[in-house]
């Protein structure tokens, strides 16, 4: 599963919030409803877009305002589904949209927030070592190396070395470097 978090700012952020509130009320419904209330397909239709299953496989997990920033969380199948946000940006051109999306299992991590204004982290790490599960975002390679030494006792000189540490059966370390995009 891919998780995507969007940060929306700008003059039209309150209008975007009203659209998400209307969506959460379930006033627009596509038949059949494969994912229940919060289905992305319903949001795409509410925003005037056309429903296409491949662009709508997921849900709006949550949304909330913090100061003047509207955060929206999507949970989608294998990749981010940006269609709803693209339509929101078309409707409200004064919105600025920053996002990050990750699926640590499939080594997927991307963002358009290169300056780390809203989302900090060049790496996402997911692991299960010594009976301890971890998933975290790291700003630097050094943080990853220090974490690896603490959790495994092995001192490494690069992220590649961390991924090659010999572990017990069923243990794993997955590290993914962020790919920055110019989307939105």
Foldseek 3Di string as FASTA:
>chain_A
DKKKKKKKAFDCLVVVVVLVVVQQVVPFDDPPDPPPRQFQQSLCVSLPHDRDCVLTAWGFPDWDDDPRIIMTMIDGPPDDRCNSVVSVCVVPVRMDMWMWMDDQVVQAIEIQPVVCPPHAAQKWKFWQAPNDTDTDGDRDQVVVQVVLCVRPVDHDDGPVVSQVDDGDPPIGMGMHGYDHDNDD
